[in-house]
Amino acid sequence: MELDSFMALYSVLFGLALGSFVNVCIYRIPIKKSIISPPSTCPNCGQRIKFYDNIPLISYVLLLGKCRHCRNRIPLVYPAVELLVGLMSLALFIRYGLSYQYFLFLLFAATLITVSFIDFQHKIIPDVLSLPGIVAGFSVSFFLGHVTWLDSLIGIISGGGALFLVGFVYKLLTGREGMGGGDVKLLAMIGAWMGWMSLPFIVLISSLTGAVIGLGVILLSGKGLRVRIPFGPFLSLGALLYFFFGTELTTWYFRLLG
């Protein structure tokens, strides 16, 4: 096996392992449990999971998607998250190789994935993820080179400020909360990592996808406007689409307008 192929395989395995940790964060952070201790246990029977039953993807297949002890079904979201982070790791390795950019952007992407699943399941975006993410994004702008520190700072201010203004106006007009504080901090974090110039595209994409999917959920649920649609997953999707395809999509959009 050539070295490049071996390292690509390593990046996938590393991403799968990181995805397993992301699952721990998704489950424990909303209920305010330590993400370090105790070791992984079955959420149904409480039995500690042995290391050989905790191998990303492989254990799920070998156990046929069920706990070894209580035979309760393991949610499909667990292997899905592991696979998603594994593929994200491979995509970033292909772009950056085994470099500090690879590790830093993988951390950023893993945070977005964690936020998305927590917001989807619990309708919250924990400050323990977004606030350190803002600091980290601004800090790496001094040496990562993808955006300047000034672009990052403006991204923080304009990202958080834009959603805060939207939420404020919506509440003023309707009397209901339209944009949670978690969404505001998440877009500020995205702005810190990706700079202010990325924000119009990200907000556009997240609004369009959120509107389409949200409308479908509203119609299928039969609850009308009482259904609360989390916006964090759509912001994260917009950020990742811009990160990987922003130049191509922006060029296509302006050609379409022209």
C-alpha atoms as a PDB file:
ATOM      1  CA  MET A   1       0.000   0.000   0.000  1.00  0.00           C
ATOM      2  CA  GLU A   2       1.392   3.405  -0.982  1.00  0.00           C
ATOM      3  CA  LEU A   3       2.044   5.929   1.769  1.00  0.00           C
ATOM      4  CA  ASP A   4      -0.666   8.334   0.551  1.00  0.00           C
ATOM      5  CA  SER A   5      -3.271   5.567   0.516  1.00  0.00           C
ATOM      6  CA  PHE A   6      -2.208   4.424   3.958  1.00  0.00           C
ATOM      7  CA  MET A   7      -2.471   7.956   5.358  1.00  0.00           C
ATOM      8  CA  ALA A   8      -5.880   8.414   3.724  1.00  0.00           C
ATOM      9  CA  LEU A   9      -7.040   5.207   5.414  1.00  0.00           C
ATOM     10  CA  TYR A  10      -5.575   6.474   8.676  1.00  0.00           C
ATOM     11  CA  SER A  11      -7.541   9.720   8.324  1.00  0.00           C
ATOM     12  CA  VAL A  12     -10.780   7.734   7.952  1.00  0.00           C
ATOM     13  CA  LEU A  13      -9.989   5.580  11.007  1.00  0.00           C
ATOM     14  CA  PHE A  14      -9.060   8.670  13.000  1.00  0.00           C
ATOM     15  CA  GLY A  15     -12.310  10.325  11.937  1.00  0.00           C
ATOM     16  CA  LEU A  16     -14.342   7.259  12.942  1.00  0.00           C
ATOM     17  CA  ALA A  17     -12.710   7.301  16.394  1.00  0.00           C
ATOM     18  CA  LEU A  18     -13.391  11.023  16.694  1.00  0.00           C
ATOM     19  CA  GLY A  19     -16.974  10.363  15.599  1.00  0.00           C
ATOM     20  CA  SER A  20     -17.358   7.926  18.487  1.00  0.00           C
ATOM     21  CA  PHE A  21     -16.278  10.705  20.857  1.00  0.00           C
ATOM     22  CA  VAL A  22     -18.675  13.118  19.122  1.00  0.00           C
ATOM     23  CA  ASN A  23     -21.475  10.662  19.946  1.00  0.00           C
ATOM     24  CA  VAL A  24     -20.458  10.843  23.603  1.00  0.00           C
ATOM     25  CA  CYS A  25     -20.629  14.650  23.457  1.00  0.00           C
ATOM     26  CA  ILE A  26     -24.009  14.616  21.712  1.00  0.00           C
ATOM     27  CA  TYR A  27     -25.464  12.361  24.399  1.00  0.00           C
ATOM     28  CA  ARG A  28     -23.815  13.781  27.527  1.00  0.00           C
ATOM     29  CA  ILE A  29     -23.441  17.532  27.034  1.00  0.00           C
ATOM     30  CA  PRO A  30     -27.195  18.321  26.976  1.00  0.00           C
ATOM     31  CA  ILE A  31     -27.740  16.373  30.222  1.00  0.00           C
ATOM     32  CA  LYS A  32     -24.644  18.004  31.787  1.00  0.00           C
ATOM     33  CA  LYS A  33     -22.677  14.794  32.288  1.00  0.00           C
ATOM     34  CA  SER A  34     -18.912  14.540  32.038  1.00  0.00           C
ATOM     35  CA  ILE A  35     -17.684  13.595  28.558  1.00  0.00           C
ATOM     36  CA  ILE A  36     -14.642  11.888  30.085  1.00  0.00           C
ATOM     37  CA  SER A  37     -15.971   9.748  32.892  1.00  0.00           C
ATOM     38  CA  PRO A  38     -17.546   7.269  33.466  1.00  0.00           C
ATOM     39  CA  PRO A  39     -16.760   5.013  30.476  1.00  0.00           C
ATOM     40  CA  SER A  40     -19.443   4.364  27.878  1.00  0.00           C
ATOM     41  CA  THR A  41     -22.524   2.492  29.079  1.00  0.00           C
ATOM     42  CA  CYS A  42     -25.734   1.330  27.450  1.00  0.00           C
ATOM     43  CA  PRO A  43     -28.326   4.107  27.953  1.00  0.00           C
ATOM     44  CA  ASN A  44     -31.032   1.444  28.370  1.00  0.00           C
ATOM     45  CA  CYS A  45     -29.590  -1.132  30.805  1.00  0.00           C
ATOM     46  CA  GLY A  46     -26.618   0.859  32.162  1.00  0.00           C
ATOM     47  CA  GLN A  47     -24.157  -1.973  31.483  1.00  0.00           C
ATOM     48  CA  ARG A  48     -20.626  -0.822  30.755  1.00  0.00           C
ATOM     49  CA  ILE A  49     -19.695  -1.276  27.101  1.00  0.00           C
ATOM     50  CA  LYS A  50     -16.546  -3.354  26.567  1.00  0.00           C
ATOM     51  CA  PHE A  51     -13.861  -1.996  24.271  1.00  0.00           C
ATOM     52  CA  TYR A  52     -14.537  -4.686  21.651  1.00  0.00           C
ATOM     53  CA  ASP A  53     -18.187  -3.614  21.526  1.00  0.00           C
ATOM     54  CA  ASN A  54     -17.202   0.011  21.076  1.00  0.00           C
ATOM     55  CA  ILE A  55     -15.285  -0.157  17.787  1.00  0.00           C
ATOM     56  CA  PRO A  56     -16.749   2.466  15.435  1.00  0.00           C
ATOM     57  CA  LEU A  57     -19.080   1.020  12.789  1.00  0.00           C
ATOM     58  CA  ILE A  58     -17.693  -2.524  13.110  1.00  0.00           C
ATOM     59  CA  SER A  59     -19.234  -3.217  16.524  1.00  0.00           C
ATOM     60  CA  TYR A  60     -22.609  -1.923  15.357  1.00  0.00           C
ATOM     61  CA  VAL A  61     -22.567  -4.361  12.429  1.00  0.00           C
ATOM     62  CA  LEU A  62     -21.334  -7.333  14.476  1.00  0.00           C
ATOM     63  CA  LEU A  63     -23.929  -6.704  17.193  1.00  0.00           C
ATOM     64  CA  LEU A  64     -26.666  -6.276  14.552  1.00  0.00           C
ATOM     65  CA  GLY A  65     -27.423  -2.854  15.978  1.00  0.00           C
ATOM     66  CA  LYS A  66     -28.333  -4.138  19.444  1.00  0.00           C
ATOM     67  CA  CYS A  67     -26.833  -3.994  22.943  1.00  0.00           C
ATOM     68  CA  ARG A  68     -25.024  -7.250  23.793  1.00  0.00           C
ATOM     69  CA  HIS A  69     -26.655  -7.393  27.253  1.00  0.00           C
ATOM     70  CA  CYS A  70     -30.222  -6.104  27.024  1.00  0.00           C
ATOM     71  CA  ARG A  71     -30.644  -6.522  23.248  1.00  0.00           C
ATOM     72  CA  ASN A  72     -32.180  -3.076  23.086  1.00  0.00           C
ATOM     73  CA  ARG A  73     -31.748  -1.504  19.664  1.00  0.00           C
ATOM     74  CA  ILE A  74     -28.871   0.970  19.300  1.00  0.00           C
ATOM     75  CA  PRO A  75     -30.087   4.113  17.500  1.00  0.00           C
ATOM     76  CA  LEU A  76     -28.888   4.345  13.906  1.00  0.00           C
ATOM     77  CA  VAL A  77     -27.677   7.872  14.619  1.00  0.00           C
ATOM     78  CA  TYR A  78     -24.570   6.468  16.365  1.00  0.00           C
ATOM     79  CA  PRO A  79     -22.970   4.797  13.329  1.00  0.00           C
ATOM     80  CA  ALA A  80     -24.279   7.624  11.121  1.00  0.00           C
ATOM     81  CA  VAL A  81     -22.344  10.214  13.146  1.00  0.00           C
ATOM     82  CA  GLU A  82     -19.208   8.046  13.130  1.00  0.00           C
ATOM     83  CA  LEU A  83     -19.397   7.624   9.361  1.00  0.00           C
ATOM     84  CA  LEU A  84     -20.078  11.336   8.818  1.00  0.00           C
ATOM     85  CA  VAL A  85     -17.043  12.414  10.841  1.00  0.00           C
ATOM     86  CA  GLY A  86     -14.930   9.712   9.162  1.00  0.00           C
ATOM     87  CA  LEU A  87     -15.831  11.004   5.694  1.00  0.00           C
ATOM     88  CA  MET A  88     -15.268  14.587   6.835  1.00  0.00           C
ATOM     89  CA  SER A  89     -11.820  13.597   8.052  1.00  0.00           C
ATOM     90  CA  LEU A  90     -11.004  12.021   4.685  1.00  0.00           C
ATOM     91  CA  ALA A  91     -12.216  15.095   2.766  1.00  0.00           C
ATOM     92  CA  LEU A  92     -10.057  17.395   4.887  1.00  0.00           C
ATOM     93  CA  PHE A  93      -7.047  15.079   4.552  1.00  0.00           C
ATOM     94  CA  ILE A  94      -7.411  15.131   0.761  1.00  0.00           C
ATOM     95  CA  ARG A  95      -7.417  18.931   0.853  1.00  0.00           C
ATOM     96  CA  TYR A  96      -4.702  19.608   3.438  1.00  0.00           C
ATOM     97  CA  GLY A  97      -2.752  16.394   3.969  1.00  0.00           C
ATOM     98  CA  LEU A  98      -1.525  15.521   7.438  1.00  0.00           C
ATOM     99  CA  SER A  99      -1.070  19.117   8.603  1.00  0.00           C
ATOM    100  CA  TYR A 100      -2.191  21.426  11.364  1.00  0.00           C
ATOM    101  CA  GLN A 101      -4.856  22.791   9.002  1.00  0.00           C
ATOM    102  CA  TYR A 102      -6.308  19.278   8.764  1.00  0.00           C
ATOM    103  CA  PHE A 103      -6.544  18.852  12.531  1.00  0.00           C
ATOM    104  CA  LEU A 104      -7.885  22.351  13.231  1.00  0.00           C
ATOM    105  CA  PHE A 105     -10.573  22.290  10.545  1.00  0.00           C
ATOM    106  CA  LEU A 106     -11.528  18.749  11.564  1.00  0.00           C
ATOM    107  CA  LEU A 107     -12.075  20.085  15.075  1.00  0.00           C
ATOM    108  CA  PHE A 108     -14.237  22.876  13.645  1.00  0.00           C
ATOM    109  CA  ALA A 109     -16.253  20.458  11.485  1.00  0.00           C
ATOM    110  CA  ALA A 110     -16.695  18.000  14.373  1.00  0.00           C
ATOM    111  CA  THR A 111     -18.001  20.845  16.529  1.00  0.00           C
ATOM    112  CA  LEU A 112     -20.548  21.782  13.854  1.00  0.00           C
ATOM    113  CA  ILE A 113     -21.699  18.161  13.630  1.00  0.00           C
ATOM    114  CA  THR A 114     -21.999  17.943  17.425  1.00  0.00           C
ATOM    115  CA  VAL A 115     -23.985  21.177  17.558  1.00  0.00           C
ATOM    116  CA  SER A 116     -26.280  20.038  14.744  1.00  0.00           C
ATOM    117  CA  PHE A 117     -27.296  16.758  16.360  1.00  0.00           C
ATOM    118  CA  ILE A 118     -27.723  18.310  19.811  1.00  0.00           C
ATOM    119  CA  ASP A 119     -29.889  21.092  18.408  1.00  0.00           C
ATOM    120  CA  PHE A 120     -31.900  18.621  16.335  1.00  0.00           C
ATOM    121  CA  GLN A 121     -32.575  16.372  19.343  1.00  0.00           C
ATOM    122  CA  HIS A 122     -32.854  18.913  22.189  1.00  0.00           C
ATOM    123  CA  LYS A 123     -33.476  22.282  20.462  1.00  0.00           C
ATOM    124  CA  ILE A 124     -30.475  23.839  22.231  1.00  0.00           C
ATOM    125  CA  ILE A 125     -26.957  24.899  21.248  1.00  0.00           C
ATOM    126  CA  PRO A 126     -24.761  24.635  24.363  1.00  0.00           C
ATOM    127  CA  ASP A 127     -22.508  27.596  25.158  1.00  0.00           C
ATOM    128  CA  VAL A 128     -19.780  25.103  26.098  1.00  0.00           C
ATOM    129  CA  LEU A 129     -19.392  24.446  22.357  1.00  0.00           C
ATOM    130  CA  SER A 130     -20.073  27.806  20.705  1.00  0.00           C
ATOM    131  CA  LEU A 131     -18.222  30.181  23.034  1.00  0.00           C
ATOM    132  CA  PRO A 132     -14.879  28.299  23.045  1.00  0.00           C
ATOM    133  CA  GLY A 133     -15.413  27.877  19.285  1.00  0.00           C
ATOM    134  CA  ILE A 134     -15.531  31.670  18.866  1.00  0.00           C
ATOM    135  CA  VAL A 135     -12.284  32.086  20.795  1.00  0.00           C
ATOM    136  CA  ALA A 136     -10.617  29.238  18.892  1.00  0.00           C
ATOM    137  CA  GLY A 137     -11.697  30.587  15.509  1.00  0.00           C
ATOM    138  CA  PHE A 138     -10.380  34.054  16.242  1.00  0.00           C
ATOM    139  CA  SER A 139      -7.123  32.663  17.660  1.00  0.00           C
ATOM    140  CA  VAL A 140      -6.297  30.463  14.671  1.00  0.00           C
ATOM    141  CA  SER A 141      -6.913  33.368  12.271  1.00  0.00           C
ATOM    142  CA  PHE A 142      -3.548  34.783  13.400  1.00  0.00           C
ATOM    143  CA  PHE A 143      -1.586  31.862  11.940  1.00  0.00           C
ATOM    144  CA  LEU A 144      -3.868  29.650   9.832  1.00  0.00           C
ATOM    145  CA  GLY A 145      -3.919  32.074   6.904  1.00  0.00           C
ATOM    146  CA  HIS A 146      -7.399  31.289   5.553  1.00  0.00           C
ATOM    147  CA  VAL A 147      -8.812  34.596   6.843  1.00  0.00           C
ATOM    148  CA  THR A 148      -7.205  37.604   8.501  1.00  0.00           C
ATOM    149  CA  TRP A 149      -7.783  38.360  12.169  1.00  0.00           C
ATOM    150  CA  LEU A 150      -9.785  41.420  11.115  1.00  0.00           C
ATOM    151  CA  ASP A 151     -12.048  39.356   8.841  1.00  0.00           C
ATOM    152  CA  SER A 152     -12.528  36.933  11.728  1.00  0.00           C
ATOM    153  CA  LEU A 153     -13.354  39.721  14.175  1.00  0.00           C
ATOM    154  CA  ILE A 154     -15.841  41.307  11.781  1.00  0.00           C
ATOM    155  CA  GLY A 155     -17.282  37.827  11.207  1.00  0.00           C
ATOM    156  CA  ILE A 156     -17.895  37.425  14.939  1.00  0.00           C
ATOM    157  CA  ILE A 157     -19.576  40.801  15.265  1.00  0.00           C
ATOM    158  CA  SER A 158     -21.600  40.688  12.051  1.00  0.00           C
ATOM    159  CA  GLY A 159     -22.484  37.005  12.381  1.00  0.00           C
ATOM    160  CA  GLY A 160     -23.820  37.289  15.893  1.00  0.00           C
ATOM    161  CA  GLY A 161     -25.257  40.748  15.306  1.00  0.00           C
ATOM    162  CA  ALA A 162     -27.155  39.799  12.147  1.00  0.00           C
ATOM    163  CA  LEU A 163     -29.079  36.935  13.752  1.00  0.00           C
ATOM    164  CA  PHE A 164     -29.652  38.930  16.915  1.00  0.00           C
ATOM    165  CA  LEU A 165     -31.221  41.694  14.826  1.00  0.00           C
ATOM    166  CA  VAL A 166     -33.400  39.198  12.913  1.00  0.00           C
ATOM    167  CA  GLY A 167     -34.577  37.624  16.167  1.00  0.00           C
ATOM    168  CA  PHE A 168     -35.238  41.013  17.749  1.00  0.00           C
ATOM    169  CA  VAL A 169     -37.313  42.251  14.800  1.00  0.00           C
ATOM    170  CA  TYR A 170     -39.253  38.968  14.625  1.00  0.00           C
ATOM    171  CA  LYS A 171     -40.096  39.107  18.320  1.00  0.00           C
ATOM    172  CA  LEU A 172     -41.083  42.764  17.996  1.00  0.00           C
ATOM    173  CA  LEU A 173     -43.494  41.952  15.163  1.00  0.00           C
ATOM    174  CA  THR A 174     -44.930  38.654  16.406  1.00  0.00           C
ATOM    175  CA  GLY A 175     -44.358  38.621  20.157  1.00  0.00           C
ATOM    176  CA  ARG A 176     -42.665  35.206  19.856  1.00  0.00           C
ATOM    177  CA  GLU A 177     -39.039  34.159  20.024  1.00  0.00           C
ATOM    178  CA  GLY A 178     -37.768  33.839  16.472  1.00  0.00           C
ATOM    179  CA  MET A 179     -34.060  33.234  16.921  1.00  0.00           C
ATOM    180  CA  GLY A 180     -32.488  31.639  19.951  1.00  0.00           C
ATOM    181  CA  GLY A 181     -29.338  32.928  21.584  1.00  0.00           C
ATOM    182  CA  GLY A 182     -27.629  29.673  20.663  1.00  0.00           C
ATOM    183  CA  ASP A 183     -28.100  30.375  16.949  1.00  0.00           C
ATOM    184  CA  VAL A 184     -26.619  33.848  17.411  1.00  0.00           C
ATOM    185  CA  LYS A 185     -23.499  32.463  19.081  1.00  0.00           C
ATOM    186  CA  LEU A 186     -23.201  29.665  16.522  1.00  0.00           C
ATOM    187  CA  LEU A 187     -23.144  32.079  13.589  1.00  0.00           C
ATOM    188  CA  ALA A 188     -20.631  34.216  15.502  1.00  0.00           C
ATOM    189  CA  MET A 189     -18.458  31.085  15.823  1.00  0.00           C
ATOM    190  CA  ILE A 190     -18.825  30.353  12.112  1.00  0.00           C
ATOM    191  CA  GLY A 191     -17.896  33.952  11.337  1.00  0.00           C
ATOM    192  CA  ALA A 192     -14.814  33.640  13.541  1.00  0.00           C
ATOM    193  CA  TRP A 193     -13.588  30.594  11.629  1.00  0.00           C
ATOM    194  CA  MET A 194     -14.627  31.556   8.101  1.00  0.00           C
ATOM    195  CA  GLY A 195     -14.624  35.345   8.055  1.00  0.00           C
ATOM    196  CA  TRP A 196     -17.394  37.813   7.392  1.00  0.00           C
ATOM    197  CA  MET A 197     -17.422  37.374   3.597  1.00  0.00           C
ATOM    198  CA  SER A 198     -18.732  33.820   3.975  1.00  0.00           C
ATOM    199  CA  LEU A 199     -21.760  34.866   5.992  1.00  0.00           C
ATOM    200  CA  PRO A 200     -24.160  36.077   3.241  1.00  0.00           C
ATOM    201  CA  PHE A 201     -23.838  32.752   1.429  1.00  0.00           C
ATOM    202  CA  ILE A 202     -24.152  30.713   4.633  1.00  0.00           C
ATOM    203  CA  VAL A 203     -27.235  32.612   5.800  1.00  0.00           C
ATOM    204  CA  LEU A 204     -28.806  32.311   2.327  1.00  0.00           C
ATOM    205  CA  ILE A 205     -28.213  28.559   2.071  1.00  0.00           C
ATOM    206  CA  SER A 206     -29.289  27.861   5.653  1.00  0.00           C
ATOM    207  CA  SER A 207     -32.437  29.969   5.244  1.00  0.00           C
ATOM    208  CA  LEU A 208     -33.426  28.265   1.984  1.00  0.00           C
ATOM    209  CA  THR A 209     -32.819  24.725   3.227  1.00  0.00           C
ATOM    210  CA  GLY A 210     -34.401  25.545   6.584  1.00  0.00           C
ATOM    211  CA  ALA A 211     -37.492  26.985   4.912  1.00  0.00           C
ATOM    212  CA  VAL A 212     -37.962  24.013   2.568  1.00  0.00           C
ATOM    213  CA  ILE A 213     -37.386  21.306   5.164  1.00  0.00           C
ATOM    214  CA  GLY A 214     -39.209  23.267   7.864  1.00  0.00           C
ATOM    215  CA  LEU A 215     -42.267  23.637   5.660  1.00  0.00           C
ATOM    216  CA  GLY A 216     -42.263  19.897   5.022  1.00  0.00           C
ATOM    217  CA  VAL A 217     -42.031  19.153   8.748  1.00  0.00           C
ATOM    218  CA  ILE A 218     -44.857  21.588   9.517  1.00  0.00           C
ATOM    219  CA  LEU A 219     -47.122  20.025   6.891  1.00  0.00           C
ATOM    220  CA  LEU A 220     -46.348  16.448   7.942  1.00  0.00           C
ATOM    221  CA  SER A 221     -46.655  17.078  11.682  1.00  0.00           C
ATOM    222  CA  GLY A 222     -50.086  18.657  11.480  1.00  0.00           C
ATOM    223  CA  LYS A 223     -49.185  21.030  14.331  1.00  0.00           C
ATOM    224  CA  GLY A 224     -48.870  24.144  12.208  1.00  0.00           C
ATOM    225  CA  LEU A 225     -46.587  26.940  13.322  1.00  0.00           C
ATOM    226  CA  ARG A 226     -46.369  25.459  16.822  1.00  0.00           C
ATOM    227  CA  VAL A 227     -43.603  23.166  15.557  1.00  0.00           C
ATOM    228  CA  ARG A 228     -40.188  24.440  16.551  1.00  0.00           C
ATOM    229  CA  ILE A 229     -37.592  23.932  13.827  1.00  0.00           C
ATOM    230  CA  PRO A 230     -33.944  24.002  15.008  1.00  0.00           C
ATOM    231  CA  PHE A 231     -31.833  26.352  12.880  1.00  0.00           C
ATOM    232  CA  GLY A 232     -28.402  25.171  14.048  1.00  0.00           C
ATOM    233  CA  PRO A 233     -28.202  22.177  11.670  1.00  0.00           C
ATOM    234  CA  PHE A 234     -28.948  24.423   8.681  1.00  0.00           C
ATOM    235  CA  LEU A 235     -26.324  26.987   9.708  1.00  0.00           C
ATOM    236  CA  SER A 236     -23.807  24.163  10.059  1.00  0.00           C
ATOM    237  CA  LEU A 237     -24.778  22.748   6.669  1.00  0.00           C
ATOM    238  CA  GLY A 238     -24.370  26.169   5.057  1.00  0.00           C
ATOM    239  CA  ALA A 239     -20.957  26.599   6.681  1.00  0.00           C
ATOM    240  CA  LEU A 240     -19.678  23.205   5.482  1.00  0.00           C
ATOM    241  CA  LEU A 241     -21.050  23.734   1.960  1.00  0.00           C
ATOM    242  CA  TYR A 242     -19.294  27.088   1.780  1.00  0.00           C
ATOM    243  CA  PHE A 243     -16.081  25.637   3.174  1.00  0.00           C
ATOM    244  CA  PHE A 244     -15.852  22.912   0.528  1.00  0.00           C
ATOM    245  CA  PHE A 245     -17.752  24.399  -2.424  1.00  0.00           C
ATOM    246  CA  GLY A 246     -18.100  28.124  -1.711  1.00  0.00           C
ATOM    247  CA  THR A 247     -16.094  29.368  -4.684  1.00  0.00           C
ATOM    248  CA  GLU A 248     -17.820  27.080  -7.180  1.00  0.00           C
ATOM    249  CA  LEU A 249     -21.305  27.770  -5.827  1.00  0.00           C
ATOM    250  CA  THR A 250     -20.750  31.535  -5.697  1.00  0.00           C
ATOM    251  CA  THR A 251     -19.478  31.539  -9.296  1.00  0.00           C
ATOM    252  CA  TRP A 252     -22.479  29.463 -10.419  1.00  0.00           C
ATOM    253  CA  TYR A 253     -24.878  31.800  -8.602  1.00  0.00           C
ATOM    254  CA  PHE A 254     -23.520  34.955 -10.225  1.00  0.00           C
ATOM    255  CA  ARG A 255     -23.519  33.302 -13.635  1.00  0.00           C
ATOM    256  CA  LEU A 256     -27.153  32.394 -13.058  1.00  0.00           C
ATOM    257  CA  LEU A 257     -27.972  36.008 -12.257  1.00  0.00           C
ATOM    258  CA  GLY A 258     -26.053  37.220 -15.288  1.00  0.00           C
END
